[in-house]
Every structure is written in structure tokens, then in C-alpha cells.
């Protein structure tokens, strides 16, 4: 049984498990299955907008897919959410990613 099957099993038992859904999206990214990864990251963001780690990874994926506007919006939202949560590490990563994105013009 591979990691994707294991994570899908966890989600079958608990569809609202943000950590398992986020981990599943990361596995899809590793395999280059961007559509599946995007679906899972967006599901986490929509169901659990306070799950701060999603914003960085989702922004990176949008960037990779050439969706600059979506990446910028995602980073900005993530900065706000991580600041509210007091997560300075993630906030710093998101700010650096946003600067990199905007400087890439």
C-alpha cells in the first residue's frame, strides 16, 4: 500500500482531516499530479481556512501552473491568516514567496 492509498484511507474515515488532506496534496505534487494536488489543497483551504501551511504550498502550485494572480491572492490571504494565528515562521515564508512572485516581473 502506498502513501496515497494510506492517506485516502484516513480521509475515508475522517473526511475533514486537514492534515491528511494536506499530506495527500503534497504526495500528488511529488508525483507531478498537479490537478489532484490543486483539488486537495483547495479543499483544505475551503474547509479549514485557518490551516496556515496550505497557503504556501497552494501559492507555490499556482505559481508553477502560471496562475500568478491566484498565487498572489493566496500568499496575501496566508499572510493575514498566519499573522492572526501568531505563526511568524509561516508568515515570513509567505512574505518571501510573495516578494519573489512580485519581483519576477
N, C-alpha and C. Protein backbone atom coordinates (compact mmCIF):
# COMPACT_ATOMS: atom_id res chain seq x y z
N UNK A 1 0.85 -1.19 0.00
CA UNK A 1 0.00 0.00 0.00
C UNK A 1 0.89 1.24 0.00
N UNK A 2 0.66 2.16 -0.94
CA UNK A 2 1.49 3.35 -0.99
C UNK A 2 0.90 4.49 -0.13
N UNK A 3 1.65 5.56 -0.02
CA UNK A 3 1.25 6.66 0.85
C UNK A 3 -0.08 7.28 0.44
N UNK A 4 -0.30 7.39 -0.85
CA UNK A 4 -1.57 7.97 -1.33
C UNK A 4 -2.74 7.10 -0.88
N UNK A 5 -2.62 5.80 -1.03
CA UNK A 5 -3.69 4.90 -0.61
C UNK A 5 -3.93 4.99 0.90
N UNK A 6 -2.84 5.09 1.66
CA UNK A 6 -2.95 5.21 3.12
C UNK A 6 -3.68 6.49 3.50
N UNK A 7 -3.27 7.60 2.88
CA UNK A 7 -3.89 8.89 3.19
C UNK A 7 -5.35 8.91 2.77
N UNK A 8 -5.65 8.32 1.64
CA UNK A 8 -7.05 8.25 1.20
C UNK A 8 -7.87 7.43 2.20
N UNK A 9 -7.25 6.41 2.77
CA UNK A 9 -7.92 5.61 3.80
C UNK A 9 -8.24 6.45 5.04
N UNK A 10 -7.27 7.27 5.45
CA UNK A 10 -7.51 8.16 6.59
C UNK A 10 -8.67 9.11 6.29
N UNK A 11 -8.70 9.62 5.05
CA UNK A 11 -9.75 10.57 4.67
C UNK A 11 -11.11 9.91 4.54
N UNK A 12 -11.10 8.63 4.19
CA UNK A 12 -12.37 7.90 4.14
C UNK A 12 -12.96 7.82 5.54
N UNK A 13 -12.10 7.59 6.53
CA UNK A 13 -12.54 7.50 7.92
C UNK A 13 -12.88 8.88 8.49
N UNK A 14 -12.14 9.91 8.05
CA UNK A 14 -12.35 11.26 8.57
C UNK A 14 -12.14 12.27 7.44
N UNK A 15 -13.19 12.55 6.66
CA UNK A 15 -13.07 13.43 5.50
C UNK A 15 -12.64 14.86 5.84
N UNK A 16 -12.80 15.25 7.09
CA UNK A 16 -12.46 16.62 7.49
C UNK A 16 -11.07 16.73 8.10
N UNK A 17 -10.24 15.72 7.93
CA UNK A 17 -8.88 15.73 8.49
C UNK A 17 -7.97 16.56 7.58
N UNK A 18 -7.77 17.81 7.96
CA UNK A 18 -6.97 18.73 7.14
C UNK A 18 -5.54 18.25 6.96
N UNK A 19 -4.95 17.69 8.02
CA UNK A 19 -3.57 17.24 7.92
C UNK A 19 -3.42 16.13 6.86
N UNK A 20 -4.31 15.15 6.89
CA UNK A 20 -4.23 14.05 5.91
C UNK A 20 -4.48 14.55 4.49
N UNK A 21 -5.43 15.46 4.33
CA UNK A 21 -5.72 16.01 3.00
C UNK A 21 -4.53 16.82 2.49
N UNK A 22 -3.92 17.61 3.37
CA UNK A 22 -2.73 18.39 3.02
C UNK A 22 -1.57 17.46 2.64
N UNK A 23 -1.37 16.41 3.41
CA UNK A 23 -0.31 15.44 3.13
C UNK A 23 -0.57 14.73 1.79
N UNK A 24 -1.83 14.44 1.51
CA UNK A 24 -2.19 13.82 0.23
C UNK A 24 -1.83 14.76 -0.92
N UNK A 25 -2.15 16.03 -0.77
CA UNK A 25 -1.81 17.02 -1.81
C UNK A 25 -0.31 17.07 -2.04
N UNK A 26 0.47 17.02 -0.97
CA UNK A 26 1.94 17.03 -1.11
C UNK A 26 2.43 15.80 -1.87
N UNK A 27 1.82 14.66 -1.61
CA UNK A 27 2.19 13.44 -2.34
C UNK A 27 1.90 13.60 -3.83
N UNK A 28 0.76 14.19 -4.15
CA UNK A 28 0.42 14.42 -5.55
C UNK A 28 1.43 15.37 -6.21
N UNK A 29 1.86 16.40 -5.48
CA UNK A 29 2.86 17.33 -6.01
C UNK A 29 4.14 16.56 -6.35
N UNK A 30 4.57 15.70 -5.43
CA UNK A 30 5.79 14.91 -5.66
C UNK A 30 5.71 14.08 -6.92
N UNK A 31 4.50 13.59 -7.23
CA UNK A 31 4.30 12.74 -8.40
C UNK A 31 3.99 13.54 -9.66
N UNK A 32 3.94 14.87 -9.53
CA UNK A 32 3.63 15.72 -10.68
C UNK A 32 2.16 15.69 -11.08
N UNK A 33 1.32 15.22 -10.17
CA UNK A 33 -0.13 15.16 -10.43
C UNK A 33 -0.76 16.46 -9.93
N UNK A 34 -0.52 17.53 -10.70
CA UNK A 34 -0.88 18.87 -10.25
C UNK A 34 -2.37 19.10 -10.10
N UNK A 35 -3.19 18.53 -10.98
CA UNK A 35 -4.63 18.72 -10.87
C UNK A 35 -5.16 18.14 -9.57
N UNK A 36 -4.68 16.94 -9.23
CA UNK A 36 -5.11 16.30 -7.99
C UNK A 36 -4.61 17.09 -6.78
N UNK A 37 -3.37 17.54 -6.85
CA UNK A 37 -2.81 18.33 -5.75
C UNK A 37 -3.61 19.61 -5.55
N UNK A 38 -3.91 20.28 -6.64
CA UNK A 38 -4.67 21.52 -6.58
C UNK A 38 -6.04 21.30 -5.94
N UNK A 39 -6.70 20.23 -6.36
CA UNK A 39 -8.02 19.91 -5.79
C UNK A 39 -7.93 19.71 -4.28
N UNK A 40 -6.91 18.99 -3.82
CA UNK A 40 -6.79 18.71 -2.38
C UNK A 40 -6.39 19.96 -1.59
N UNK A 41 -5.43 20.74 -2.10
CA UNK A 41 -5.05 21.98 -1.40
C UNK A 41 -6.23 22.94 -1.30
N UNK A 42 -6.97 23.08 -2.41
CA UNK A 42 -8.13 23.98 -2.39
C UNK A 42 -9.21 23.47 -1.44
N UNK A 43 -9.35 22.16 -1.34
CA UNK A 43 -10.32 21.58 -0.40
C UNK A 43 -9.94 21.91 1.04
N UNK A 44 -8.65 21.83 1.36
CA UNK A 44 -8.20 22.17 2.72
C UNK A 44 -8.46 23.66 2.98
N UNK A 45 -8.07 24.50 2.03
CA UNK A 45 -8.25 25.94 2.21
C UNK A 45 -9.73 26.29 2.41
N UNK A 46 -10.60 25.67 1.63
CA UNK A 46 -12.02 25.99 1.72
C UNK A 46 -12.67 25.45 2.99
N UNK A 47 -12.27 24.26 3.41
CA UNK A 47 -12.88 23.63 4.59
C UNK A 47 -12.25 24.09 5.90
N UNK A 48 -10.98 24.48 5.85
CA UNK A 48 -10.23 24.83 7.06
C UNK A 48 -9.31 26.02 6.77
N UNK A 49 -9.91 27.21 6.59
CA UNK A 49 -9.11 28.38 6.20
C UNK A 49 -8.04 28.79 7.22
N UNK A 50 -8.09 28.23 8.41
CA UNK A 50 -7.08 28.54 9.43
C UNK A 50 -5.85 27.64 9.33
N UNK A 51 -5.87 26.66 8.44
CA UNK A 51 -4.75 25.73 8.26
C UNK A 51 -3.67 26.44 7.46
N UNK A 52 -2.77 27.12 8.17
CA UNK A 52 -1.85 28.07 7.54
C UNK A 52 -0.87 27.46 6.54
N UNK A 53 -0.45 26.23 6.74
CA UNK A 53 0.55 25.62 5.85
C UNK A 53 0.06 25.53 4.42
N UNK A 54 -1.23 25.42 4.25
CA UNK A 54 -1.80 25.26 2.91
C UNK A 54 -1.49 26.44 2.00
N UNK A 55 -1.46 27.64 2.56
CA UNK A 55 -1.32 28.84 1.72
C UNK A 55 0.01 28.87 0.98
N UNK A 56 1.08 28.48 1.63
CA UNK A 56 2.38 28.49 0.97
C UNK A 56 2.41 27.47 -0.17
N UNK A 57 2.00 26.25 0.14
CA UNK A 57 2.06 25.18 -0.87
C UNK A 57 1.09 25.44 -2.02
N UNK A 58 -0.10 25.93 -1.71
CA UNK A 58 -1.07 26.24 -2.76
C UNK A 58 -0.56 27.39 -3.63
N UNK A 59 0.02 28.40 -3.00
CA UNK A 59 0.59 29.52 -3.76
C UNK A 59 1.70 29.05 -4.68
N UNK A 60 2.55 28.15 -4.18
CA UNK A 60 3.64 27.61 -4.99
C UNK A 60 3.09 26.86 -6.20
N UNK A 61 2.04 26.09 -5.97
CA UNK A 61 1.45 25.31 -7.06
C UNK A 61 0.81 26.24 -8.10
N UNK A 62 0.08 27.25 -7.63
CA UNK A 62 -0.49 28.22 -8.57
C UNK A 62 0.62 28.86 -9.41
N UNK A 63 1.70 29.21 -8.76
CA UNK A 63 2.83 29.82 -9.45
C UNK A 63 3.37 28.88 -10.53
N UNK A 64 3.55 27.63 -10.15
CA UNK A 64 4.06 26.61 -11.07
C UNK A 64 3.14 26.45 -12.28
N UNK A 65 1.84 26.63 -12.05
CA UNK A 65 0.85 26.47 -13.11
C UNK A 65 0.64 27.75 -13.91
N UNK A 66 1.41 28.80 -13.59
CA UNK A 66 1.29 30.06 -14.31
C UNK A 66 0.11 30.91 -13.89
N UNK A 67 -0.46 30.61 -12.75
CA UNK A 67 -1.63 31.36 -12.25
C UNK A 67 -1.15 32.39 -11.23
N UNK A 68 -0.46 33.39 -11.72
CA UNK A 68 0.18 34.39 -10.87
C UNK A 68 -0.82 35.13 -9.97
N UNK A 69 -1.94 35.53 -10.53
CA UNK A 69 -2.93 36.27 -9.74
C UNK A 69 -3.43 35.41 -8.56
N UNK A 70 -3.71 34.13 -8.84
CA UNK A 70 -4.17 33.23 -7.77
C UNK A 70 -3.07 33.03 -6.73
N UNK A 71 -1.82 32.93 -7.19
CA UNK A 71 -0.70 32.77 -6.25
C UNK A 71 -0.59 34.00 -5.35
N UNK A 72 -0.66 35.18 -5.95
CA UNK A 72 -0.55 36.41 -5.16
C UNK A 72 -1.68 36.50 -4.12
N UNK A 73 -2.89 36.24 -4.55
CA UNK A 73 -4.05 36.28 -3.65
C UNK A 73 -3.89 35.27 -2.51
N UNK A 74 -3.41 34.08 -2.85
CA UNK A 74 -3.23 33.03 -1.85
C UNK A 74 -2.16 33.42 -0.84
N UNK A 75 -1.03 33.95 -1.31
CA UNK A 75 0.03 34.39 -0.39
C UNK A 75 -0.48 35.50 0.53
N UNK A 76 -1.19 36.47 -0.04
CA UNK A 76 -1.69 37.60 0.78
C UNK A 76 -2.68 37.12 1.84
N UNK A 77 -3.57 36.23 1.46
CA UNK A 77 -4.52 35.68 2.43
C UNK A 77 -3.77 34.90 3.50
N UNK A 78 -2.79 34.11 3.09
CA UNK A 78 -2.00 33.32 4.04
C UNK A 78 -1.24 34.19 5.02
N UNK A 79 -0.73 35.33 4.56
CA UNK A 79 -0.03 36.26 5.45
C UNK A 79 -0.98 36.75 6.53
N UNK A 80 -2.19 37.10 6.13
CA UNK A 80 -3.20 37.57 7.10
C UNK A 80 -3.56 36.47 8.09
N UNK A 81 -3.81 35.27 7.59
CA UNK A 81 -4.22 34.15 8.44
C UNK A 81 -3.09 33.78 9.41
N UNK A 82 -1.86 33.71 8.90
CA UNK A 82 -0.74 33.32 9.77
C UNK A 82 -0.44 34.40 10.81
N UNK A 83 -0.63 35.66 10.45
CA UNK A 83 -0.43 36.74 11.41
C UNK A 83 -1.46 36.64 12.54
N UNK A 84 -2.71 36.38 12.18
CA UNK A 84 -3.78 36.21 13.19
C UNK A 84 -3.48 35.04 14.11
N UNK A 85 -2.89 33.98 13.54
CA UNK A 85 -2.58 32.78 14.31
C UNK A 85 -1.29 32.93 15.13
N UNK A 86 -0.57 34.02 14.88
CA UNK A 86 0.70 34.22 15.59
C UNK A 86 1.81 33.32 15.07
N UNK A 87 1.66 32.85 13.84
CA UNK A 87 2.65 31.95 13.23
C UNK A 87 3.62 32.79 12.40
N UNK A 88 4.64 33.30 13.07
CA UNK A 88 5.58 34.21 12.41
C UNK A 88 6.46 33.49 11.39
N UNK A 89 6.76 32.23 11.62
CA UNK A 89 7.59 31.47 10.68
C UNK A 89 6.89 31.36 9.32
N UNK A 90 5.64 30.90 9.35
CA UNK A 90 4.89 30.75 8.11
C UNK A 90 4.65 32.11 7.47
N UNK A 91 4.35 33.10 8.28
CA UNK A 91 4.14 34.45 7.75
C UNK A 91 5.38 34.92 6.99
N UNK A 92 6.55 34.70 7.56
CA UNK A 92 7.80 35.09 6.91
C UNK A 92 8.01 34.36 5.59
N UNK A 93 7.70 33.06 5.57
CA UNK A 93 7.83 32.28 4.33
C UNK A 93 6.89 32.81 3.26
N UNK A 94 5.67 33.15 3.66
CA UNK A 94 4.69 33.66 2.71
C UNK A 94 5.08 35.04 2.18
N UNK A 95 5.60 35.88 3.08
CA UNK A 95 6.05 37.21 2.64
C UNK A 95 7.20 37.09 1.65
N UNK A 96 8.14 36.18 1.91
CA UNK A 96 9.27 35.97 1.00
C UNK A 96 8.76 35.43 -0.35
N UNK A 97 7.81 34.51 -0.32
CA UNK A 97 7.26 33.95 -1.56
C UNK A 97 6.55 35.04 -2.35
N UNK A 98 5.82 35.90 -1.67
CA UNK A 98 5.11 37.00 -2.35
C UNK A 98 6.11 37.97 -2.97
N UNK A 99 7.14 38.32 -2.24
CA UNK A 99 8.17 39.19 -2.78
C UNK A 99 8.82 38.58 -4.01
N UNK A 100 9.12 37.28 -3.94
CA UNK A 100 9.69 36.58 -5.09
C UNK A 100 8.78 36.59 -6.29
N UNK A 101 7.48 36.38 -6.04
CA UNK A 101 6.50 36.37 -7.11
C UNK A 101 6.40 37.75 -7.77
N UNK A 102 6.30 38.77 -6.95
CA UNK A 102 6.13 40.13 -7.49
C UNK A 102 7.40 40.65 -8.13
N UNK A 103 8.54 40.15 -7.67
CA UNK A 103 9.81 40.57 -8.26
C UNK A 103 10.14 39.84 -9.54
N UNK A 104 9.31 38.85 -9.89
CA UNK A 104 9.60 38.03 -11.07
C UNK A 104 9.07 38.64 -12.37
N UNK A 105 8.54 39.84 -12.28
CA UNK A 105 8.01 40.52 -13.49
C UNK A 105 9.09 40.88 -14.47
